[in-house]
Every structure is written in structure tokens, then in C-alpha cells.
PDB file of N, CA and C in Angstrom:
ATOM      1  N   MET A   1     -67.582  22.860  81.151  1.00  0.00           N
ATOM      2  CA  MET A   1     -66.649  22.495  82.154  1.00  0.00           C
ATOM      3  C   MET A   1     -65.831  21.238  81.630  1.00  0.00           C
ATOM      4  N   SER A   2     -66.243  20.915  80.523  1.00  0.00           N
ATOM      5  CA  SER A   2     -66.335  19.384  80.101  1.00  0.00           C
ATOM      6  C   SER A   2     -64.785  18.941  80.305  1.00  0.00           C
ATOM      7  N   GLY A   3     -64.174  20.136  79.333  1.00  0.00           N
ATOM      8  CA  GLY A   3     -63.085  20.248  78.981  1.00  0.00           C
ATOM      9  C   GLY A   3     -61.542  19.287  79.799  1.00  0.00           C
ATOM     10  N   GLY A   4     -60.853  18.578  79.675  1.00  0.00           N
ATOM     11  CA  GLY A   4     -60.072  17.810  80.627  1.00  0.00           C
ATOM     12  C   GLY A   4     -60.462  17.162  81.382  1.00  0.00           C
ATOM     13  N   LEU A   5     -61.850  16.688  81.649  1.00  0.00           N
ATOM     14  CA  LEU A   5     -62.210  16.301  82.590  1.00  0.00           C
ATOM     15  C   LEU A   5     -61.851  14.132  82.654  1.00  0.00           C
ATOM     16  N   THR A   6     -62.090  13.837  83.249  1.00  0.00           N
ATOM     17  CA  THR A   6     -61.750  11.962  83.062  1.00  0.00           C
ATOM     18  C   THR A   6     -62.901  10.995  84.004  1.00  0.00           C
ATOM     19  N   LEU A   7     -62.723   9.985  83.231  1.00  0.00           N
ATOM     20  CA  LEU A   7     -63.955   9.675  84.395  1.00  0.00           C
ATOM     21  C   LEU A   7     -63.877   9.731  85.998  1.00  0.00           C
ATOM     22  N   ASP A   8     -62.313   9.295  85.849  1.00  0.00           N
ATOM     23  CA  ASP A   8     -62.442   9.573  87.666  1.00  0.00           C
ATOM     24  C   ASP A   8     -63.150  11.258  88.288  1.00  0.00           C
ATOM     25  N   ASP A   9     -63.241  12.028  87.376  1.00  0.00           N
ATOM     26  CA  ASP A   9     -63.742  13.009  87.830  1.00  0.00           C
ATOM     27  C   ASP A   9     -65.237  12.895  87.797  1.00  0.00           C
ATOM     28  N   LEU A  10     -65.555  11.798  87.583  1.00  0.00           N
ATOM     29  CA  LEU A  10     -67.366  11.821  87.710  1.00  0.00           C
ATOM     30  C   LEU A  10     -67.533  10.397  88.742  1.00  0.00           C
ATOM     31  N   ALA A  11     -66.683   9.992  89.559  1.00  0.00           N
ATOM     32  CA  ALA A  11     -66.185   8.895  90.547  1.00  0.00           C
ATOM     33  C   ALA A  11     -67.533   9.316  91.443  1.00  0.00           C
ATOM     34  N   VAL A  12     -67.270  10.639  92.014  1.00  0.00           N
ATOM     35  CA  VAL A  12     -68.521  10.929  92.911  1.00  0.00           C
ATOM     36  C   VAL A  12     -70.175  10.548  92.768  1.00  0.00           C
ATOM     37  N   PRO A  13     -70.974  10.800  91.846  1.00  0.00           N
ATOM     38  CA  PRO A  13     -71.930  10.899  90.867  1.00  0.00           C
ATOM     39  C   PRO A  13     -72.258   9.004  90.689  1.00  0.00           C
ATOM     40  N   LEU A  14     -71.118   8.484  90.550  1.00  0.00           N
ATOM     41  CA  LEU A  14     -71.242   7.219  89.692  1.00  0.00           C
ATOM     42  C   LEU A  14     -71.333   6.369  91.165  1.00  0.00           C
ATOM     43  N   ARG A  15     -70.763   6.821  92.187  1.00  0.00           N
ATOM     44  CA  ARG A  15     -70.507   5.938  93.438  1.00  0.00           C
ATOM     45  C   ARG A  15     -71.691   6.020  93.883  1.00  0.00           C
ATOM     46  N   ALA A  16     -72.624   7.541  93.620  1.00  0.00           N
ATOM     47  CA  ALA A  16     -73.822   7.397  94.735  1.00  0.00           C
ATOM     48  C   ALA A  16     -74.850   6.546  93.542  1.00  0.00           C
ATOM     49  N   LEU A  17     -74.786   6.305  92.561  1.00  0.00           N
ATOM     50  CA  LEU A  17     -75.324   5.570  91.613  1.00  0.00           C
ATOM     51  C   LEU A  17     -75.491   4.163  92.147  1.00  0.00           C
ATOM     52  N   ARG A  18     -73.959   3.822  91.727  1.00  0.00           N
ATOM     53  CA  ARG A  18     -73.909   2.373  92.713  1.00  0.00           C
ATOM     54  C   ARG A  18     -75.042   1.810  94.233  1.00  0.00           C
ATOM     55  N   LEU A  19     -74.377   3.099  95.078  1.00  0.00           N
ATOM     56  CA  LEU A  19     -75.065   2.839  96.367  1.00  0.00           C
ATOM     57  C   LEU A  19     -76.813   2.855  96.383  1.00  0.00           C
ATOM     58  N   LEU A  20     -77.643   4.192  95.524  1.00  0.00           N
ATOM     59  CA  LEU A  20     -78.973   3.717  95.049  1.00  0.00           C
ATOM     60  C   LEU A  20     -79.296   2.460  94.568  1.00  0.00           C
ATOM     61  N   ALA A  21     -78.220   2.134  93.439  1.00  0.00           N
ATOM     62  CA  ALA A  21     -78.908   0.991  93.066  1.00  0.00           C
ATOM     63  C   ALA A  21     -78.520  -0.466  94.080  1.00  0.00           C
ATOM     64  N   ALA A  22     -77.860  -0.110  94.942  1.00  0.00           N
ATOM     65  CA  ALA A  22     -77.937  -1.365  96.442  1.00  0.00           C
ATOM     66  C   ALA A  22     -78.702  -1.331  97.054  1.00  0.00           C
ATOM     67  N   ASP A  23     -79.301   0.000  97.444  1.00  0.00           N
ATOM     68  CA  ASP A  23     -80.363   0.331  98.747  1.00  0.00           C
ATOM     69  C   ASP A  23     -81.472   0.505  97.794  1.00  0.00           C
ATOM     70  N   PHE A  24     -81.725   1.114  96.622  1.00  0.00           N
ATOM     71  CA  PHE A  24     -83.310   0.965  96.216  1.00  0.00           C
ATOM     72  C   PHE A  24     -83.699   0.297  94.998  1.00  0.00           C
ATOM     73  N   GLY A  25     -82.692  -0.741  94.851  1.00  0.00           N
ATOM     74  CA  GLY A  25     -82.886  -1.574  93.643  1.00  0.00           C
ATOM     75  C   GLY A  25     -84.418  -2.274  93.204  1.00  0.00           C
ATOM     76  N   HIS A  26     -85.043  -2.251  94.134  1.00  0.00           N
ATOM     77  CA  HIS A  26     -86.566  -2.761  94.048  1.00  0.00           C
ATOM     78  C   HIS A  26     -87.563  -1.451  93.562  1.00  0.00           C
ATOM     79  N   LEU A  27     -86.766  -0.074  93.651  1.00  0.00           N
ATOM     80  CA  LEU A  27     -88.131   0.975  92.726  1.00  0.00           C
ATOM     81  C   LEU A  27     -87.548   0.803  91.306  1.00  0.00           C
ATOM     82  N   SER A  28     -88.684   1.601  90.652  1.00  0.00           N
ATOM     83  CA  SER A  28     -88.914   2.048  89.234  1.00  0.00           C
ATOM     84  C   SER A  28     -87.503   2.322  88.675  1.00  0.00           C
ATOM     85  N   ALA A  29     -86.716   1.817  87.514  1.00  0.00           N
ATOM     86  CA  ALA A  29     -85.477   2.080  87.244  1.00  0.00           C
ATOM     87  C   ALA A  29     -85.909   3.431  86.158  1.00  0.00           C
ATOM     88  N   PRO A  30     -84.904   4.540  86.391  1.00  0.00           N
ATOM     89  CA  PRO A  30     -85.051   5.543  85.851  1.00  0.00           C
ATOM     90  C   PRO A  30     -84.183   5.805  84.587  1.00  0.00           C
ATOM     91  N   ALA A  31     -83.997   6.752  83.730  1.00  0.00           N
ATOM     92  CA  ALA A  31     -82.859   7.187  82.813  1.00  0.00           C
ATOM     93  C   ALA A  31     -82.124   7.860  84.044  1.00  0.00           C
ATOM     94  N   VAL A  32     -80.859   7.454  83.499  1.00  0.00           N
ATOM     95  CA  VAL A  32     -79.823   7.879  84.454  1.00  0.00           C
ATOM     96  C   VAL A  32     -78.607   8.755  83.797  1.00  0.00           C
ATOM     97  N   ALA A  33     -78.561   9.950  83.961  1.00  0.00           N
ATOM     98  CA  ALA A  33     -77.176  11.143  83.032  1.00  0.00           C
ATOM     99  C   ALA A  33     -76.777  11.215  84.402  1.00  0.00           C
ATOM    100  N   VAL A  34     -75.093  11.168  83.932  1.00  0.00           N
ATOM    101  CA  VAL A  34     -74.002  12.109  84.681  1.00  0.00           C
ATOM    102  C   VAL A  34     -73.682  12.648  83.647  1.00  0.00           C
ATOM    103  N   SER A  35     -72.843  13.960  83.658  1.00  0.00           N
ATOM    104  CA  SER A  35     -72.683  14.524  82.898  1.00  0.00           C
ATOM    105  C   SER A  35     -71.167  15.355  82.967  1.00  0.00           C
ATOM    106  N   THR A  36     -70.682  15.625  81.967  1.00  0.00           N
ATOM    107  CA  THR A  36     -69.208  16.358  82.298  1.00  0.00           C
ATOM    108  C   THR A  36     -70.213  18.031  82.400  1.00  0.00           C
ATOM    109  N   VAL A  37     -70.741  18.235  82.273  1.00  0.00           N
ATOM    110  CA  VAL A  37     -70.960  19.863  82.299  1.00  0.00           C
ATOM    111  C   VAL A  37     -71.541  20.100  83.722  1.00  0.00           C
ATOM    112  N   TYR A  38     -71.885  18.969  84.335  1.00  0.00           N
ATOM    113  CA  TYR A  38     -72.601  19.267  86.027  1.00  0.00           C
ATOM    114  C   TYR A  38     -71.426  17.978  86.587  1.00  0.00           C
ATOM    115  N   PRO A  39     -70.665  17.762  86.835  1.00  0.00           N
ATOM    116  CA  PRO A  39     -70.046  16.680  87.428  1.00  0.00           C
ATOM    117  C   PRO A  39     -70.143  16.292  88.959  1.00  0.00           C
ATOM    118  N   ASP A  40     -70.593  16.930  89.525  1.00  0.00           N
ATOM    119  CA  ASP A  40     -71.236  16.871  91.067  1.00  0.00           C
ATOM    120  C   ASP A  40     -72.724  16.466  91.040  1.00  0.00           C
ATOM    121  N   ARG A  41     -73.658  15.974  89.721  1.00  0.00           N
ATOM    122  CA  ARG A  41     -74.649  15.489  89.574  1.00  0.00           C
ATOM    123  C   ARG A  41     -75.157  14.525  89.357  1.00  0.00           C
ATOM    124  N   LEU A  42     -76.081  13.812  89.270  1.00  0.00           N
ATOM    125  CA  LEU A  42     -76.753  12.777  89.009  1.00  0.00           C
ATOM    126  C   LEU A  42     -78.098  12.893  88.880  1.00  0.00           C
ATOM    127  N   GLU A  43     -78.886  12.464  87.530  1.00  0.00           N
ATOM    128  CA  GLU A  43     -80.039  12.472  87.364  1.00  0.00           C
ATOM    129  C   GLU A  43     -80.566  11.678  87.020  1.00  0.00           C
ATOM    130  N   LEU A  44     -81.955  11.397  87.749  1.00  0.00           N
ATOM    131  CA  LEU A  44     -82.717   9.975  87.250  1.00  0.00           C
ATOM    132  C   LEU A  44     -84.064  10.757  87.036  1.00  0.00           C
ATOM    133  N   SER A  45     -84.109  10.493  86.295  1.00  0.00           N
ATOM    134  CA  SER A  45     -85.636  11.037  85.227  1.00  0.00           C
ATOM    135  C   SER A  45     -86.746   9.703  84.754  1.00  0.00           C
ATOM    136  N   PHE A  46     -88.014  10.103  84.731  1.00  0.00           N
ATOM    137  CA  PHE A  46     -89.118   9.242  84.952  1.00  0.00           C
ATOM    138  C   PHE A  46     -89.898   9.456  83.971  1.00  0.00           C
ATOM    139  N   HIS A  47     -89.711   9.057  82.495  1.00  0.00           N
ATOM    140  CA  HIS A  47     -90.759   9.622  81.469  1.00  0.00           C
ATOM    141  C   HIS A  47     -92.162   8.514  81.866  1.00  0.00           C
ATOM    142  N   ASP A  48     -92.808   9.682  81.756  1.00  0.00           N
ATOM    143  CA  ASP A  48     -94.465   8.783  81.802  1.00  0.00           C
ATOM    144  C   ASP A  48     -94.695   7.579  83.014  1.00  0.00           C
ATOM    145  N   ASP A  49     -93.656   8.181  84.117  1.00  0.00           N
ATOM    146  CA  ASP A  49     -94.079   7.096  85.235  1.00  0.00           C
ATOM    147  C   ASP A  49     -93.851   8.018  86.648  1.00  0.00           C
ATOM    148  N   LEU A  50     -94.821   9.003  87.166  1.00  0.00           N
ATOM    149  CA  LEU A  50     -94.638   9.521  88.031  1.00  0.00           C
ATOM    150  C   LEU A  50     -94.941   9.227  88.854  1.00  0.00           C
ATOM    151  N   ALA A  51     -95.648   7.770  89.191  1.00  0.00           N
ATOM    152  CA  ALA A  51     -95.561   7.057  89.894  1.00  0.00           C
ATOM    153  C   ALA A  51     -93.903   6.447  90.617  1.00  0.00           C
ATOM    154  N   GLY A  52     -93.169   6.211  89.724  1.00  0.00           N
ATOM    155  CA  GLY A  52     -91.737   6.395  90.216  1.00  0.00           C
ATOM    156  C   GLY A  52     -91.122   7.389  90.759  1.00  0.00           C
ATOM    157  N   PHE A  53     -91.250   8.326  90.182  1.00  0.00           N
ATOM    158  CA  PHE A  53     -90.832   9.553  90.444  1.00  0.00           C
ATOM    159  C   PHE A  53     -91.337   9.621  91.921  1.00  0.00           C
ATOM    160  N   GLU A  54     -92.480   9.482  92.161  1.00  0.00           N
ATOM    161  CA  GLU A  54     -92.598   9.673  93.771  1.00  0.00           C
ATOM    162  C   GLU A  54     -92.261   8.633  94.771  1.00  0.00           C
ATOM    163  N   ALA A  55     -91.962   7.383  94.192  1.00  0.00           N
ATOM    164  CA  ALA A  55     -91.989   6.236  94.880  1.00  0.00           C
ATOM    165  C   ALA A  55     -90.140   6.899  95.355  1.00  0.00           C
ATOM    166  N   TRP A  56     -89.126   7.472  94.789  1.00  0.00           N
ATOM    167  CA  TRP A  56     -87.766   7.521  94.857  1.00  0.00           C
ATOM    168  C   TRP A  56     -88.076   8.931  95.149  1.00  0.00           C
ATOM    169  N   ARG A  57     -89.119   9.702  95.391  1.00  0.00           N
ATOM    170  CA  ARG A  57     -88.900  10.962  96.403  1.00  0.00           C
ATOM    171  C   ARG A  57     -88.838  10.409  97.421  1.00  0.00           C
ATOM    172  N   GLU A  58     -89.860   9.655  97.647  1.00  0.00           N
ATOM    173  CA  GLU A  58     -90.017   9.051  99.493  1.00  0.00           C
ATOM    174  C   GLU A  58     -88.896   8.435  99.765  1.00  0.00           C
ATOM    175  N   ALA A  59     -88.156   7.435  98.871  1.00  0.00           N
ATOM    176  CA  ALA A  59     -86.832   7.046  99.034  1.00  0.00           C
ATOM    177  C   ALA A  59     -85.946   7.595  99.420  1.00  0.00           C
ATOM    178  N   LEU A  60     -85.731   9.053  99.042  1.00  0.00           N
ATOM    179  CA  LEU A  60     -84.981   9.914  99.036  1.00  0.00           C
ATOM    180  C   LEU A  60     -84.633  10.717 100.271  1.00  0.00           C
ATOM    181  N   GLY A  61     -85.883  10.607 100.887  1.00  0.00           N
ATOM    182  CA  GLY A  61     -86.551  11.436 101.777  1.00  0.00           C
ATOM    183  C   GLY A  61     -86.721  13.267 101.304  1.00  0.00           C
ATOM    184  N   ILE A  62     -87.352  13.025 100.049  1.00  0.00           N
ATOM    185  CA  ILE A  62     -87.470  14.607 100.243  1.00  0.00           C
ATOM    186  C   ILE A  62     -88.433  14.948 100.060  1.00  0.00           C
ATOM    187  N   PRO A  63     -89.361  15.924 101.466  1.00  0.00           N
ATOM    188  CA  PRO A  63     -90.251  16.280 101.601  1.00  0.00           C
ATOM    189  C   PRO A  63     -91.245  17.216 100.256  1.00  0.00           C
ATOM    190  N   PRO A  64     -92.929  16.360 100.091  1.00  0.00           N
ATOM    191  CA  PRO A  64     -93.473  16.919  99.324  1.00  0.00           C
ATOM    192  C   PRO A  64     -93.334  18.081  98.636  1.00  0.00           C
ATOM    193  N   GLU A  65     -93.343  19.241  99.870  1.00  0.00           N
ATOM    194  CA  GLU A  65     -93.137  20.662  99.357  1.00  0.00           C
ATOM    195  C   GLU A  65     -91.693  21.124  98.947  1.00  0.00           C
ATOM    196  N   ALA A  66     -90.891  20.127  98.328  1.00  0.00           N
ATOM    197  CA  ALA A  66     -89.595  20.536  97.867  1.00  0.00           C
ATOM    198  C   ALA A  66     -89.592  20.022  96.105  1.00  0.00           C
ATOM    199  N   VAL A  67     -90.798  19.438  95.846  1.00  0.00           N
ATOM    200  CA  VAL A  67     -91.052  19.354  94.154  1.00  0.00           C
ATOM    201  C   VAL A  67     -91.326  20.817  93.514  1.00  0.00           C
ATOM    202  N   VAL A  68     -90.677  21.096  92.741  1.00  0.00           N
ATOM    203  CA  VAL A  68     -91.280  21.901  91.652  1.00  0.00           C
ATOM    204  C   VAL A  68     -92.115  21.853  90.715  1.00  0.00           C
ATOM    205  N   TYR A  69     -93.456  22.141  90.418  1.00  0.00           N
ATOM    206  CA  TYR A  69     -94.309  21.761  89.279  1.00  0.00           C
ATOM    207  C   TYR A  69     -93.791  22.692  88.385  1.00  0.00           C
ATOM    208  N   ARG A  70     -94.093  22.094  87.102  1.00  0.00           N
ATOM    209  CA  ARG A  70     -93.814  23.301  85.854  1.00  0.00           C
ATOM    210  C   ARG A  70     -94.361  22.459  84.901  1.00  0.00           C
ATOM    211  N   GLU A  71     -95.033  23.099  83.794  1.00  0.00           N
ATOM    212  CA  GLU A  71     -95.697  22.507  82.524  1.00  0.00           C
ATOM    213  C   GLU A  71     -94.990  22.887  81.331  1.00  0.00           C
ATOM    214  N   GLN A  72     -94.577  22.201  80.372  1.00  0.00           N
ATOM    215  CA  GLN A  72     -93.735  22.170  78.966  1.00  0.00           C
ATOM    216  C   GLN A  72     -94.848  21.637  77.952  1.00  0.00           C
ATOM    217  N   SER A  73     -94.441  21.910  76.940  1.00  0.00           N
ATOM    218  CA  SER A  73     -94.759  21.265  75.398  1.00  0.00           C
ATOM    219  C   SER A  73     -96.694  22.209  75.393  1.00  0.00           C
ATOM    220  N   HIS A  74     -96.324  23.525  75.725  1.00  0.00           N
ATOM    221  CA  HIS A  74     -97.539  24.496  75.635  1.00  0.00           C
ATOM    222  C   HIS A  74     -98.592  23.442  76.310  1.00  0.00           C
ATOM    223  N   GLY A  75     -98.367  22.958  77.445  1.00  0.00           N
ATOM    224  CA  GLY A  75     -99.321  22.548  78.819  1.00  0.00           C
ATOM    225  C   GLY A  75     -99.657  21.341  78.347  1.00  0.00           C
ATOM    226  N   HIS A  76     -98.975  20.414  77.469  1.00  0.00           N
ATOM    227  CA  HIS A  76     -99.388  19.123  77.215  1.00  0.00           C
ATOM    228  C   HIS A  76     -98.086  17.883  78.122  1.00  0.00           C
ATOM    229  N   THR A  77     -97.508  18.661  79.077  1.00  0.00           N
ATOM    230  CA  THR A  77     -96.552  17.406  79.595  1.00  0.00           C
ATOM    231  C   THR A  77     -96.051  18.374  80.765  1.00  0.00           C
ATOM    232  N   ARG A  78     -96.318  17.512  82.012  1.00  0.00           N
ATOM    233  CA  ARG A  78     -96.275  17.862  83.422  1.00  0.00           C
ATOM    234  C   ARG A  78     -94.749  18.010  83.580  1.00  0.00           C
ATOM    235  N   VAL A  79     -94.137  18.730  84.130  1.00  0.00           N
ATOM    236  CA  VAL A  79     -92.590  18.432  84.617  1.00  0.00           C
ATOM    237  C   VAL A  79     -92.292  18.606  86.453  1.00  0.00           C
ATOM    238  N   LEU A  80     -92.036  17.647  87.005  1.00  0.00           N
ATOM    239  CA  LEU A  80     -92.174  17.734  88.583  1.00  0.00           C
ATOM    240  C   LEU A  80     -90.219  17.463  88.735  1.00  0.00           C
ATOM    241  N   LYS A  81     -90.058  18.424  89.416  1.00  0.00           N
ATOM    242  CA  LYS A  81     -88.377  18.396  89.715  1.00  0.00           C
ATOM    243  C   LYS A  81     -88.184  18.441  91.507  1.00  0.00           C
ATOM    244  N   ALA A  82     -87.228  17.645  91.776  1.00  0.00           N
ATOM    245  CA  ALA A  82     -86.799  17.813  93.271  1.00  0.00           C
ATOM    246  C   ALA A  82     -85.150  17.403  93.367  1.00  0.00           C
ATOM    247  N   SER A  83     -84.829  17.645  94.781  1.00  0.00           N
ATOM    248  CA  SER A  83     -82.864  17.478  94.227  1.00  0.00           C
ATOM    249  C   SER A  83     -82.915  17.112  95.994  1.00  0.00           C
ATOM    250  N   ALA A  84     -81.782  16.045  96.007  1.00  0.00           N
ATOM    251  CA  ALA A  84     -81.487  15.600  97.439  1.00  0.00           C
ATOM    252  C   ALA A  84     -79.894  15.828  97.545  1.00  0.00           C
ATOM    253  N   ASP A  85     -79.184  16.335  98.536  1.00  0.00           N
ATOM    254  CA  ASP A  85     -77.952  15.639  98.749  1.00  0.00           C
ATOM    255  C   ASP A  85     -77.790  14.074  98.990  1.00  0.00           C
ATOM    256  N   ARG A  86     -76.727  13.678  98.073  1.00  0.00           N
ATOM    257  CA  ARG A  86     -76.824  11.865  98.989  1.00  0.00           C
ATOM    258  C   ARG A  86     -75.204  12.034  98.257  1.00  0.00           C
ATOM    259  N   VAL A  87     -74.547  11.174  99.110  1.00  0.00           N
ATOM    260  CA  VAL A  87     -73.244  10.539  99.503  1.00  0.00           C
ATOM    261  C   VAL A  87     -72.395  11.515  98.745  1.00  0.00           C
ATOM    262  N   GLY A  88     -72.120  12.972  98.929  1.00  0.00           N
ATOM    263  CA  GLY A  88     -71.334  13.353  98.505  1.00  0.00           C
ATOM    264  C   GLY A  88     -71.671  14.597  96.956  1.00  0.00           C
ATOM    265  N   THR A  89     -72.780  14.061  96.570  1.00  0.00           N
ATOM    266  CA  THR A  89     -73.635  14.557  95.169  1.00  0.00           C
ATOM    267  C   THR A  89     -74.976  14.910  95.173  1.00  0.00           C
ATOM    268  N   VAL A  90     -75.202  15.801  94.288  1.00  0.00           N
ATOM    269  CA  VAL A  90     -76.703  16.348  93.986  1.00  0.00           C
ATOM    270  C   VAL A  90     -77.225  15.096  93.330  1.00  0.00           C
ATOM    271  N   VAL A  91     -78.493  14.722  93.772  1.00  0.00           N
ATOM    272  CA  VAL A  91     -79.359  13.618  93.333  1.00  0.00           C
ATOM    273  C   VAL A  91     -80.475  14.334  93.062  1.00  0.00           C
ATOM    274  N   ASP A  92     -80.567  14.652  91.385  1.00  0.00           N
ATOM    275  CA  ASP A  92     -81.867  15.280  90.826  1.00  0.00           C
ATOM    276  C   ASP A  92     -82.609  14.297  90.201  1.00  0.00           C
ATOM    277  N   LEU A  93     -84.315  14.530  91.037  1.00  0.00           N
ATOM    278  CA  LEU A  93     -85.095  13.751  90.297  1.00  0.00           C
ATOM    279  C   LEU A  93     -86.188  14.408  88.979  1.00  0.00           C
ATOM    280  N   VAL A  94     -86.181  13.785  88.016  1.00  0.00           N
ATOM    281  CA  VAL A  94     -87.327  14.676  87.282  1.00  0.00           C
ATOM    282  C   VAL A  94     -87.886  13.905  86.705  1.00  0.00           C
ATOM    283  N   GLY A  95     -89.614  14.234  86.997  1.00  0.00           N
ATOM    284  CA  GLY A  95     -90.096  13.322  86.761  1.00  0.00           C
ATOM    285  C   GLY A  95     -91.117  13.887  84.959  1.00  0.00           C
ATOM    286  N   TYR A  96     -91.640  13.253  84.260  1.00  0.00           N
ATOM    287  CA  TYR A  96     -92.503  13.701  82.919  1.00  0.00           C
ATOM    288  C   TYR A  96     -93.598  12.845  83.118  1.00  0.00           C
ATOM    289  N   GLY A  97     -94.896  13.838  82.798  1.00  0.00           N
ATOM    290  CA  GLY A  97     -96.226  12.895  82.314  1.00  0.00           C
ATOM    291  C   GLY A  97     -96.907  13.905  81.520  1.00  0.00           C
ATOM    292  N   SER A  98     -97.644  13.224  80.941  1.00  0.00           N
ATOM    293  CA  SER A  98     -98.626  13.555  80.006  1.00  0.00           C
ATOM    294  C   SER A  98     -99.924  14.349  80.747  1.00  0.00           C
ATOM    295  N   ILE A  99    -100.085  15.195  80.256  1.00  0.00           N
ATOM    296  CA  ILE A  99    -101.893  15.951  80.573  1.00  0.00           C
ATOM    297  C   ILE A  99    -102.640  15.845  79.366  1.00  0.00           C
ATOM    298  N   THR A 100    -103.592  14.904  80.263  1.00  0.00           N
ATOM    299  CA  THR A 100    -104.662  15.125  79.282  1.00  0.00           C
ATOM    300  C   THR A 100    -105.212  15.850  78.941  1.00  0.00           C
ATOM    301  N   ALA A 101    -105.992  16.288  78.320  1.00  0.00           N
ATOM    302  CA  ALA A 101    -106.939  17.250  77.572  1.00  0.00           C
ATOM    303  C   ALA A 101    -108.326  16.853  78.378  1.00  0.00           C
ATOM    304  N   PRO A 102    -108.864  17.960  79.022  1.00  0.00           N
ATOM    305  CA  PRO A 102    -110.211  17.530  79.921  1.00  0.00           C
ATOM    306  C   PRO A 102    -111.488  16.941  78.769  1.00  0.00           C
ATOM    307  N   GLN A 103    -112.464  16.602  78.809  1.00  0.00           N
ATOM    308  CA  GLN A 103    -113.289  16.361  77.790  1.00  0.00           C
ATOM    309  C   GLN A 103    -114.233  16.792  77.945  1.00  0.00           C
ATOM    310  N   PRO A 104    -115.103  18.080  77.268  1.00  0.00           N
ATOM    311  CA  PRO A 104    -116.385  18.348  76.809  1.00  0.00           C
ATOM    312  C   PRO A 104    -117.272  17.594  77.856  1.00  0.00           C
ATOM    313  N   ALA A 105    -118.048  18.653  78.312  1.00  0.00           N
ATOM    314  CA  ALA A 105    -119.472  18.249  78.834  1.00  0.00           C
ATOM    315  C   ALA A 105    -119.991  17.211  77.879  1.00  0.00           C
ATOM    316  N   GLY A 106    -120.636  16.284  77.943  1.00  0.00           N
ATOM    317  CA  GLY A 106    -121.597  15.358  76.899  1.00  0.00           C
ATOM    318  C   GLY A 106    -120.597  14.911  76.211  1.00  0.00           C
ATOM    319  N   ALA A 107    -119.356  14.483  76.277  1.00  0.00           N
ATOM    320  CA  ALA A 107    -118.693  14.300  75.143  1.00  0.00           C
ATOM    321  C   ALA A 107    -118.086  12.595  75.686  1.00  0.00           C
ATOM    322  N   ALA A 108    -118.244  12.000  74.982  1.00  0.00           N
ATOM    323  CA  ALA A 108    -118.093  10.173  75.298  1.00  0.00           C
ATOM    324  C   ALA A 108    -116.549  10.069  75.512  1.00  0.00           C
ATOM    325  N   ALA A 109    -116.621   9.459  76.622  1.00  0.00           N
ATOM    326  CA  ALA A 109    -115.060   8.841  77.307  1.00  0.00           C
ATOM    327  C   ALA A 109    -114.362   7.637  76.648  1.00  0.00           C
TER     328      ALA A 109
END
């Protein structure tokens, strides 16, 4: 869908980002993505900052049961995903966190 889009076509998610920055500027800064592939979406991602993900989830009023959990990288990375409709766009929250291997019994910590 990226063919023929202009920056004006991304105005809605960019406006949402501006409003979120004004309202929640005190929260952890996410990696931000706006894409011509999905011009109606704004992605906020948190790498090794699941607390940041959680703070934004609460701020956006997304219920805990709406968070989808999965794992990737052969079980070494947990991924949390949730979405909310805000100011005419979909805000996708994505959180990535390492999964530490359990220590065998008797192993030094």
C-alpha cells in the first residue's frame, strides 16, 4: 500500500504520537514506528523494558487480559502485544524481554 502515499497520508498516526507525547511525556520512551504499509497505525515498542510496556498499557487503558503473550527466538525472548484505538488510529504496543534459563538445582547463582 506504500505506493503513492505522501507524508500527509500519515498525519493521523503522527498526530496521535504528538498527543501521546504531550499527555504521557513522563513515561518511558519507546521505539516509534509509523509505516506506509499500515498508514493507520502507530507502533510503540519496548526492548528489554517490560515495565515501560506495562506503564503505557495502563496509561492507554488497555486491560491486562487484552495483552497477547508469545515467545520467539526458540524461547529466549518473550513478546507482549496489545492495541488500543486512539485519536483515529490504532496504537500497537509491543514489549520484548529476555527469558533467562532456569538455574539447575544446586547451581551457583
